[in-house]
């Protein structure tokens, strides 16, 4: 079995390897785009097959609009959520800015490691 050594390769072999690897990358990318397009077609066909069942109920299905039942469910959920709050808060934030020259929280000297005494 002959082992490949990188130092024995000439320019022509290196160019062929580079060309094959670049072509392989582009082929895999094109293949992935094709698979994604295929999935899109399959799911679009499945969704189109499910639409006549919704139209058979007598309700007009318009994408992007909410029906009365959905609006009522959302309003009920918001009412329950807001009534479950423990405190009645005004939802106003007050931020006080206090300027101090020294604070142990912003002191850089405490973050430094002290050198041990050598004896």
C-alpha atoms as a PDB file:
ATOM      1  CA  UNK A   1       0.000   0.000   0.000  1.00  0.00           C
ATOM      2  CA  UNK A   2       1.483   3.293  -1.090  1.00  0.00           C
ATOM      3  CA  UNK A   3       1.206   6.152   1.373  1.00  0.00           C
ATOM      4  CA  UNK A   4       0.629   9.676   0.145  1.00  0.00           C
ATOM      5  CA  UNK A   5       3.153  12.181   1.354  1.00  0.00           C
ATOM      6  CA  UNK A   6       2.415  15.884   0.993  1.00  0.00           C
ATOM      7  CA  UNK A   7       5.952  16.719  -0.053  1.00  0.00           C
ATOM      8  CA  UNK A   8       5.842  14.417  -3.102  1.00  0.00           C
ATOM      9  CA  UNK A   9       2.893  16.204  -4.636  1.00  0.00           C
ATOM     10  CA  UNK A  10       3.531  18.573  -7.502  1.00  0.00           C
ATOM     11  CA  UNK A  11       1.565  21.606  -8.585  1.00  0.00           C
ATOM     12  CA  UNK A  12      -0.637  19.657 -10.955  1.00  0.00           C
ATOM     13  CA  UNK A  13      -1.769  17.240  -8.228  1.00  0.00           C
ATOM     14  CA  UNK A  14      -2.480  20.086  -5.820  1.00  0.00           C
ATOM     15  CA  UNK A  15      -4.500  21.958  -8.453  1.00  0.00           C
ATOM     16  CA  UNK A  16      -6.540  18.829  -9.234  1.00  0.00           C
ATOM     17  CA  UNK A  17      -7.284  18.302  -5.531  1.00  0.00           C
ATOM     18  CA  UNK A  18      -8.331  21.946  -5.158  1.00  0.00           C
ATOM     19  CA  UNK A  19     -10.516  21.778  -8.276  1.00  0.00           C
ATOM     20  CA  UNK A  20     -12.210  18.556  -7.178  1.00  0.00           C
ATOM     21  CA  UNK A  21     -12.827  19.880  -3.664  1.00  0.00           C
ATOM     22  CA  UNK A  22     -14.336  23.143  -4.949  1.00  0.00           C
ATOM     23  CA  UNK A  23     -16.562  21.240  -7.391  1.00  0.00           C
ATOM     24  CA  UNK A  24     -17.623  18.880  -4.611  1.00  0.00           C
ATOM     25  CA  UNK A  25     -18.593  21.790  -2.350  1.00  0.00           C
ATOM     26  CA  UNK A  26     -20.680  23.426  -5.080  1.00  0.00           C
ATOM     27  CA  UNK A  27     -22.307  20.096  -5.974  1.00  0.00           C
ATOM     28  CA  UNK A  28     -23.319  19.530  -2.347  1.00  0.00           C
ATOM     29  CA  UNK A  29     -24.705  23.080  -2.136  1.00  0.00           C
ATOM     30  CA  UNK A  30     -26.775  22.572  -5.297  1.00  0.00           C
ATOM     31  CA  UNK A  31     -27.960  19.230  -3.934  1.00  0.00           C
ATOM     32  CA  UNK A  32     -29.035  20.872  -0.655  1.00  0.00           C
ATOM     33  CA  UNK A  33     -30.926  23.588  -2.539  1.00  0.00           C
ATOM     34  CA  UNK A  34     -32.720  20.861  -4.523  1.00  0.00           C
ATOM     35  CA  UNK A  35     -33.645  18.977  -1.342  1.00  0.00           C
ATOM     36  CA  UNK A  36     -34.980  22.180   0.240  1.00  0.00           C
ATOM     37  CA  UNK A  37     -37.041  22.943  -2.872  1.00  0.00           C
ATOM     38  CA  UNK A  38     -38.402  19.381  -2.813  1.00  0.00           C
ATOM     39  CA  UNK A  39     -39.418  19.742   0.844  1.00  0.00           C
ATOM     40  CA  UNK A  40     -41.107  23.053   0.000  1.00  0.00           C
ATOM     41  CA  UNK A  41     -43.105  21.448  -2.815  1.00  0.00           C
ATOM     42  CA  UNK A  42     -44.129  18.516  -0.617  1.00  0.00           C
ATOM     43  CA  UNK A  43     -45.290  20.726   2.255  1.00  0.00           C
ATOM     44  CA  UNK A  44     -47.079  23.141  -0.088  1.00  0.00           C
ATOM     45  CA  UNK A  45     -48.937  20.228  -1.682  1.00  0.00           C
ATOM     46  CA  UNK A  46     -49.817  18.834   1.750  1.00  0.00           C
ATOM     47  CA  UNK A  47     -51.086  22.229   2.902  1.00  0.00           C
ATOM     48  CA  UNK A  48     -53.140  22.660  -0.298  1.00  0.00           C
ATOM     49  CA  UNK A  49     -54.681  19.225   0.265  1.00  0.00           C
ATOM     50  CA  UNK A  50     -55.780  20.290   3.765  1.00  0.00           C
ATOM     51  CA  UNK A  51     -57.518  23.495   2.658  1.00  0.00           C
ATOM     52  CA  UNK A  52     -60.709  22.010   1.167  1.00  0.00           C
ATOM     53  CA  UNK A  53     -61.495  20.364   4.501  1.00  0.00           C
ATOM     54  CA  UNK A  54     -61.490  23.769   6.196  1.00  0.00           C
ATOM     55  CA  UNK A  55     -63.630  25.271   3.423  1.00  0.00           C
ATOM     56  CA  UNK A  56     -66.193  22.458   3.818  1.00  0.00           C
ATOM     57  CA  UNK A  57     -67.089  23.675   7.330  1.00  0.00           C
ATOM     58  CA  UNK A  58     -68.721  26.777   5.866  1.00  0.00           C
ATOM     59  CA  UNK A  59     -66.246  29.270   7.272  1.00  0.00           C
ATOM     60  CA  UNK A  60     -64.277  31.399   4.889  1.00  0.00           C
ATOM     61  CA  UNK A  61     -60.585  30.985   5.690  1.00  0.00           C
ATOM     62  CA  UNK A  62     -58.576  34.115   4.994  1.00  0.00           C
ATOM     63  CA  UNK A  63     -54.924  33.955   5.889  1.00  0.00           C
ATOM     64  CA  UNK A  64     -53.783  36.718   8.241  1.00  0.00           C
ATOM     65  CA  UNK A  65     -57.177  37.482   9.804  1.00  0.00           C
ATOM     66  CA  UNK A  66     -58.471  36.443  13.207  1.00  0.00           C
ATOM     67  CA  UNK A  67     -61.949  35.066  13.783  1.00  0.00           C
ATOM     68  CA  UNK A  68     -64.276  36.050  16.604  1.00  0.00           C
ATOM     69  CA  UNK A  69     -63.524  32.901  18.603  1.00  0.00           C
ATOM     70  CA  UNK A  70     -59.781  33.511  18.435  1.00  0.00           C
ATOM     71  CA  UNK A  71     -60.178  37.136  19.505  1.00  0.00           C
ATOM     72  CA  UNK A  72     -62.376  36.064  22.443  1.00  0.00           C
ATOM     73  CA  UNK A  73     -59.812  33.429  23.517  1.00  0.00           C
ATOM     74  CA  UNK A  74     -56.982  35.963  23.427  1.00  0.00           C
ATOM     75  CA  UNK A  75     -58.994  38.537  25.385  1.00  0.00           C
ATOM     76  CA  UNK A  76     -59.944  35.924  27.999  1.00  0.00           C
ATOM     77  CA  UNK A  77     -56.330  34.819  28.398  1.00  0.00           C
ATOM     78  CA  UNK A  78     -55.171  38.421  28.827  1.00  0.00           C
ATOM     79  CA  UNK A  79     -57.893  39.077  31.388  1.00  0.00           C
ATOM     80  CA  UNK A  80     -56.939  36.002  33.408  1.00  0.00           C
ATOM     81  CA  UNK A  81     -53.244  36.905  33.224  1.00  0.00           C
ATOM     82  CA  UNK A  82     -53.770  40.501  34.323  1.00  0.00           C
ATOM     83  CA  UNK A  83     -56.105  39.541  37.170  1.00  0.00           C
ATOM     84  CA  UNK A  84     -53.580  36.994  38.476  1.00  0.00           C
ATOM     85  CA  UNK A  85     -50.993  39.669  39.231  1.00  0.00           C
ATOM     86  CA  UNK A  86     -50.407  39.985  42.949  1.00  0.00           C
ATOM     87  CA  UNK A  87     -49.484  43.640  43.120  1.00  0.00           C
ATOM     88  CA  UNK A  88     -51.072  46.540  41.385  1.00  0.00           C
ATOM     89  CA  UNK A  89     -48.083  48.280  39.899  1.00  0.00           C
ATOM     90  CA  UNK A  90     -48.014  51.513  38.007  1.00  0.00           C
ATOM     91  CA  UNK A  91     -45.452  50.157  35.538  1.00  0.00           C
ATOM     92  CA  UNK A  92     -43.335  53.282  35.966  1.00  0.00           C
ATOM     93  CA  UNK A  93     -39.610  52.870  36.411  1.00  0.00           C
ATOM     94  CA  UNK A  94     -37.743  55.340  38.561  1.00  0.00           C
ATOM     95  CA  UNK A  95     -33.979  55.382  38.234  1.00  0.00           C
ATOM     96  CA  UNK A  96     -32.040  57.539  40.636  1.00  0.00           C
ATOM     97  CA  UNK A  97     -28.489  58.404  39.737  1.00  0.00           C
ATOM     98  CA  UNK A  98     -26.151  58.870  42.687  1.00  0.00           C
ATOM     99  CA  UNK A  99     -22.646  60.150  41.992  1.00  0.00           C
ATOM    100  CA  UNK A 100     -20.006  59.017  44.455  1.00  0.00           C
ATOM    101  CA  UNK A 101     -16.282  59.318  44.009  1.00  0.00           C
ATOM    102  CA  UNK A 102     -15.376  56.092  45.821  1.00  0.00           C
ATOM    103  CA  UNK A 103     -17.230  52.857  46.167  1.00  0.00           C
ATOM    104  CA  UNK A 104     -15.875  49.382  46.906  1.00  0.00           C
ATOM    105  CA  UNK A 105     -17.822  48.146  43.910  1.00  0.00           C
ATOM    106  CA  UNK A 106     -15.949  50.285  41.427  1.00  0.00           C
ATOM    107  CA  UNK A 107     -12.532  50.229  43.095  1.00  0.00           C
ATOM    108  CA  UNK A 108      -9.916  48.634  40.859  1.00  0.00           C
ATOM    109  CA  UNK A 109      -7.297  48.173  43.596  1.00  0.00           C
ATOM    110  CA  UNK A 110      -9.297  45.358  45.225  1.00  0.00           C
ATOM    111  CA  UNK A 111      -9.224  43.362  42.027  1.00  0.00           C
ATOM    112  CA  UNK A 112      -5.432  43.196  41.932  1.00  0.00           C
ATOM    113  CA  UNK A 113      -3.614  40.287  43.487  1.00  0.00           C
ATOM    114  CA  UNK A 114      -1.084  41.365  46.058  1.00  0.00           C
ATOM    115  CA  UNK A 115       2.424  39.986  45.805  1.00  0.00           C
ATOM    116  CA  UNK A 116       3.454  37.774  48.725  1.00  0.00           C
ATOM    117  CA  UNK A 117       6.349  38.842  50.904  1.00  0.00           C
ATOM    118  CA  UNK A 118       9.595  37.005  50.094  1.00  0.00           C
ATOM    119  CA  UNK A 119      11.782  36.095  53.014  1.00  0.00           C
END
